[in-house]
N, C-alpha and C. Protein backbone atom coordinates (compact mmCIF):
# COMPACT_ATOMS: atom_id res chain seq x y z
N UNK A 1 115.22 112.22 94.05
CA UNK A 1 114.12 112.31 93.31
C UNK A 1 114.27 110.94 92.98
N UNK A 2 113.42 110.05 93.25
CA UNK A 2 112.75 109.08 92.87
C UNK A 2 112.98 108.30 91.23
N UNK A 3 112.96 107.49 90.91
CA UNK A 3 112.86 107.26 89.38
C UNK A 3 111.41 107.39 89.06
N UNK A 4 110.23 107.34 89.91
CA UNK A 4 108.94 107.77 89.61
C UNK A 4 108.46 108.89 89.48
N UNK A 5 109.81 109.82 89.70
CA UNK A 5 109.55 111.25 89.93
C UNK A 5 110.17 112.00 88.53
N UNK A 6 110.65 111.34 88.10
CA UNK A 6 111.86 111.99 87.43
C UNK A 6 110.50 111.51 85.85
N UNK A 7 110.78 112.87 85.04
CA UNK A 7 110.42 113.27 83.82
C UNK A 7 110.92 112.85 82.99
N UNK A 8 110.53 111.71 81.68
CA UNK A 8 111.18 111.18 80.60
C UNK A 8 111.71 112.50 80.02
N UNK A 9 112.31 112.40 79.14
CA UNK A 9 113.18 113.45 77.93
C UNK A 9 112.32 113.25 76.92
N UNK A 10 112.56 112.07 76.97
CA UNK A 10 111.86 111.55 75.63
C UNK A 10 110.90 110.46 75.86
N UNK A 11 109.86 109.99 74.61
CA UNK A 11 109.35 108.69 74.61
C UNK A 11 110.31 107.53 74.72
N UNK A 12 111.51 107.50 73.64
CA UNK A 12 112.55 106.58 73.95
C UNK A 12 113.06 106.26 75.41
N UNK A 13 113.41 107.24 76.10
CA UNK A 13 113.88 107.38 77.29
C UNK A 13 112.97 106.47 78.40
N UNK A 14 111.57 106.98 78.51
CA UNK A 14 111.43 106.28 79.18
C UNK A 14 110.90 104.81 78.71
N UNK A 15 111.25 104.69 77.61
CA UNK A 15 111.44 103.29 77.01
C UNK A 15 112.68 102.52 77.95
N UNK A 16 113.72 103.16 77.64
CA UNK A 16 115.06 102.73 78.13
C UNK A 16 114.56 102.73 80.29
N UNK A 17 114.44 103.42 80.54
CA UNK A 17 114.08 103.90 82.40
C UNK A 17 113.41 102.52 82.68
N UNK A 18 112.49 102.22 82.26
CA UNK A 18 111.45 100.94 82.64
C UNK A 18 112.18 99.86 82.03
N UNK A 19 113.15 99.19 81.32
CA UNK A 19 113.62 98.60 81.40
C UNK A 19 115.07 98.37 82.46
N UNK A 20 115.64 99.05 82.62
CA UNK A 20 116.74 99.63 83.70
C UNK A 20 116.11 99.63 84.71
N UNK A 21 114.71 99.84 85.39
CA UNK A 21 114.18 99.39 86.52
C UNK A 21 113.63 98.24 86.72
N UNK A 22 113.60 97.47 85.74
CA UNK A 22 113.32 95.98 86.23
C UNK A 22 114.34 95.30 85.89
N UNK A 23 115.77 95.64 85.44
CA UNK A 23 117.29 94.98 85.13
C UNK A 23 116.86 93.68 83.99
N UNK A 24 116.14 94.24 83.08
CA UNK A 24 115.69 93.31 81.41
C UNK A 24 116.12 94.45 80.92
N UNK A 25 116.55 93.77 79.84
CA UNK A 25 117.11 94.71 78.65
C UNK A 25 116.18 94.56 77.80
N UNK A 26 115.73 95.84 76.55
CA UNK A 26 114.32 95.84 75.90
C UNK A 26 114.46 95.33 75.14
N UNK A 27 113.39 94.69 74.52
CA UNK A 27 113.02 93.79 73.17
C UNK A 27 113.93 94.12 72.41
N UNK A 28 114.05 95.27 71.44
CA UNK A 28 114.92 95.58 70.61
C UNK A 28 116.51 94.71 70.93
N UNK A 29 116.90 95.06 72.50
CA UNK A 29 118.44 94.72 72.78
C UNK A 29 118.42 93.02 72.38
N UNK A 30 117.21 92.43 73.22
CA UNK A 30 117.21 91.17 73.47
C UNK A 30 117.42 90.74 71.87
N UNK A 31 116.82 91.16 70.96
CA UNK A 31 116.66 90.46 69.27
C UNK A 31 117.86 90.24 68.46
N UNK A 32 118.77 91.95 69.21
CA UNK A 32 119.80 91.88 68.56
C UNK A 32 120.79 91.33 68.70
N UNK A 33 120.69 90.33 70.36
CA UNK A 33 122.12 90.31 70.53
C UNK A 33 121.57 88.94 71.26
N UNK A 34 122.21 87.89 70.40
CA UNK A 34 121.76 86.62 70.89
C UNK A 34 122.35 86.10 72.41
N UNK A 35 123.36 86.69 72.57
CA UNK A 35 123.62 86.15 74.35
C UNK A 35 122.63 86.66 75.13
N UNK A 36 122.39 88.26 74.85
CA UNK A 36 121.39 88.83 75.87
C UNK A 36 119.85 87.70 75.75
N UNK A 37 118.94 87.11 74.75
CA UNK A 37 118.22 86.27 74.45
C UNK A 37 118.27 85.48 75.34
N UNK A 38 119.64 84.37 75.41
CA UNK A 38 120.25 83.10 75.86
C UNK A 38 119.91 83.63 77.61
N UNK A 39 120.43 84.80 77.75
CA UNK A 39 120.91 85.12 79.23
C UNK A 39 119.37 84.83 80.12
N UNK A 40 118.65 85.73 79.07
CA UNK A 40 117.32 86.03 79.76
C UNK A 40 116.36 84.81 79.98
N UNK A 41 116.60 83.99 78.57
CA UNK A 41 115.62 82.70 78.69
C UNK A 41 115.98 81.30 79.98
N UNK A 42 117.74 81.54 80.09
CA UNK A 42 118.36 80.58 80.63
C UNK A 42 117.40 81.14 82.24
N UNK A 43 117.47 82.37 82.71
CA UNK A 43 117.00 83.01 83.92
C UNK A 43 115.44 82.86 83.98
N UNK A 44 114.80 82.84 82.82
CA UNK A 44 113.38 82.45 83.36
C UNK A 44 113.29 81.16 83.23
N UNK A 45 114.13 79.85 82.76
CA UNK A 45 113.81 78.42 82.71
C UNK A 45 114.51 78.33 84.45
N UNK A 46 115.32 78.66 84.68
CA UNK A 46 115.25 78.40 85.93
C UNK A 46 114.44 79.17 87.17
N UNK A 47 113.24 80.20 86.87
CA UNK A 47 112.21 80.50 87.48
C UNK A 47 111.56 79.63 87.60
N UNK A 48 110.95 78.97 86.09
CA UNK A 48 110.02 78.24 85.81
C UNK A 48 109.96 76.88 86.49
N UNK A 49 111.33 76.43 86.61
CA UNK A 49 111.71 74.97 87.14
C UNK A 49 110.71 75.60 88.63
N UNK A 50 111.76 76.47 89.33
CA UNK A 50 111.59 76.82 90.86
C UNK A 50 110.31 76.89 91.15
N UNK A 51 109.67 77.56 90.20
CA UNK A 51 107.69 77.72 90.96
C UNK A 51 107.26 76.46 90.21
N UNK A 52 107.54 75.47 89.54
CA UNK A 52 107.35 74.31 89.26
C UNK A 52 107.43 73.04 90.59
N UNK A 53 108.38 73.44 91.45
CA UNK A 53 109.10 73.03 92.73
C UNK A 53 107.90 73.43 93.81
N UNK A 54 107.77 74.57 93.54
CA UNK A 54 106.89 75.18 94.81
C UNK A 54 105.66 74.70 95.12
N UNK A 55 104.91 74.95 93.18
CA UNK A 55 103.86 73.91 93.09
C UNK A 55 103.72 72.17 93.69
N UNK A 56 104.62 71.92 93.44
CA UNK A 56 104.94 70.61 93.66
C UNK A 56 105.51 70.12 95.27
N UNK A 57 105.66 70.89 95.57
CA UNK A 57 106.20 70.56 97.68
C UNK A 57 106.30 71.96 98.09
N UNK A 58 105.87 73.06 97.71
CA UNK A 58 105.81 73.91 98.51
C UNK A 58 104.89 74.41 99.58
N UNK A 59 104.69 75.24 100.55
CA UNK A 59 103.63 75.09 101.21
C UNK A 59 102.01 75.92 100.39
N UNK A 60 101.17 75.21 101.14
CA UNK A 60 99.71 74.94 100.23
C UNK A 60 99.85 76.53 99.90
N UNK A 61 99.89 77.46 101.13
CA UNK A 61 99.50 78.89 100.82
C UNK A 61 100.14 79.58 99.66
N UNK A 62 101.25 78.81 99.24
CA UNK A 62 101.93 79.53 98.09
C UNK A 62 101.50 78.85 97.01
N UNK A 63 100.88 78.35 96.81
CA UNK A 63 100.60 77.42 95.25
C UNK A 63 99.92 78.51 94.95
N UNK A 64 98.61 79.10 95.15
CA UNK A 64 97.85 80.09 93.87
C UNK A 64 98.83 80.98 93.39
N UNK A 65 99.75 81.28 94.41
CA UNK A 65 100.62 82.76 93.85
C UNK A 65 101.93 82.03 92.82
N UNK A 66 102.36 80.82 92.84
CA UNK A 66 102.79 80.00 92.35
C UNK A 66 102.67 80.12 91.06
N UNK A 67 101.32 79.51 91.08
CA UNK A 67 101.18 78.72 89.57
C UNK A 67 100.63 80.50 88.50
N UNK A 68 100.36 81.47 89.34
CA UNK A 68 100.18 82.47 88.54
C UNK A 68 101.34 83.39 88.06
N UNK A 69 102.23 83.07 88.85
CA UNK A 69 103.69 83.52 88.06
C UNK A 69 104.20 82.38 87.33
N UNK A 70 104.01 81.17 87.37
CA UNK A 70 104.24 80.06 86.34
C UNK A 70 103.34 80.48 85.22
N UNK A 71 101.95 80.57 84.82
CA UNK A 71 101.35 80.97 83.85
C UNK A 71 102.31 82.65 82.81
N UNK A 72 102.59 83.70 83.80
CA UNK A 72 103.19 85.07 83.45
C UNK A 72 104.59 84.04 82.80
N UNK A 73 105.54 83.33 83.52
CA UNK A 73 106.56 82.83 82.90
C UNK A 73 106.79 82.36 81.82
N UNK A 74 105.73 81.12 81.96
CA UNK A 74 105.56 80.24 80.40
C UNK A 74 105.17 81.44 79.46
N UNK A 75 103.97 82.31 79.41
CA UNK A 75 103.59 83.02 78.34
C UNK A 75 105.12 83.84 78.20
N UNK A 76 105.71 84.46 79.22
CA UNK A 76 106.95 85.34 78.61
C UNK A 76 108.26 83.95 77.83
N UNK A 77 108.21 82.70 78.33
CA UNK A 77 109.12 82.11 77.65
C UNK A 77 108.27 81.97 76.18
N UNK A 78 106.90 81.61 75.63
CA UNK A 78 106.71 81.37 74.22
C UNK A 78 106.84 82.47 73.90
N UNK A 79 106.50 83.49 73.77
CA UNK A 79 106.67 85.10 73.26
C UNK A 79 108.24 85.39 72.97
N UNK A 80 108.96 84.97 73.77
CA UNK A 80 110.65 85.29 73.14
C UNK A 80 110.64 84.29 72.06
N UNK A 81 110.40 82.92 72.38
CA UNK A 81 110.54 81.81 71.23
C UNK A 81 109.73 82.49 69.59
N UNK A 82 108.51 82.90 70.14
CA UNK A 82 108.13 83.48 68.63
C UNK A 82 108.69 84.31 68.04
N UNK A 83 109.38 85.28 69.19
CA UNK A 83 109.81 86.76 68.70
C UNK A 83 111.22 86.44 67.56
N UNK A 84 111.97 84.86 68.57
CA UNK A 84 113.15 84.58 67.66
C UNK A 84 113.08 84.05 66.19
N UNK A 85 111.76 83.18 66.36
CA UNK A 85 111.63 82.39 65.10
C UNK A 85 110.74 83.52 64.08
N UNK A 86 110.24 85.20 64.76
CA UNK A 86 109.84 85.97 63.51
C UNK A 86 110.84 86.43 62.94
N UNK A 87 112.19 86.83 63.57
CA UNK A 87 113.38 87.07 63.44
C UNK A 87 114.44 86.04 62.01
N UNK A 88 114.48 85.09 62.99
CA UNK A 88 115.00 84.14 61.84
C UNK A 88 114.22 83.99 60.57
N UNK A 89 113.13 83.98 60.76
CA UNK A 89 112.18 83.92 59.09
C UNK A 89 112.42 84.99 58.13
N UNK A 90 112.69 86.10 58.71
CA UNK A 90 113.10 87.59 57.99
C UNK A 90 114.19 87.50 57.12
């Protein structure tokens, strides 16, 4: 049985299953553990630089897709920063 065929046992299980599926910790886990947040941020920053490189130097056919991916990564980094600031202000 695949992950998509399994029925979640509860609402919480469904959220954890998606985090496991994409190999990203849940937002709650990110905000609770500083090292987890830093690890995800670092991976996203490397991805951001790689996408910028593809936009500048990569094949012309890859540029539109890299630009869209860069927008998503940049928005995610901004969200993580904002969430971290909100947590610190509490």
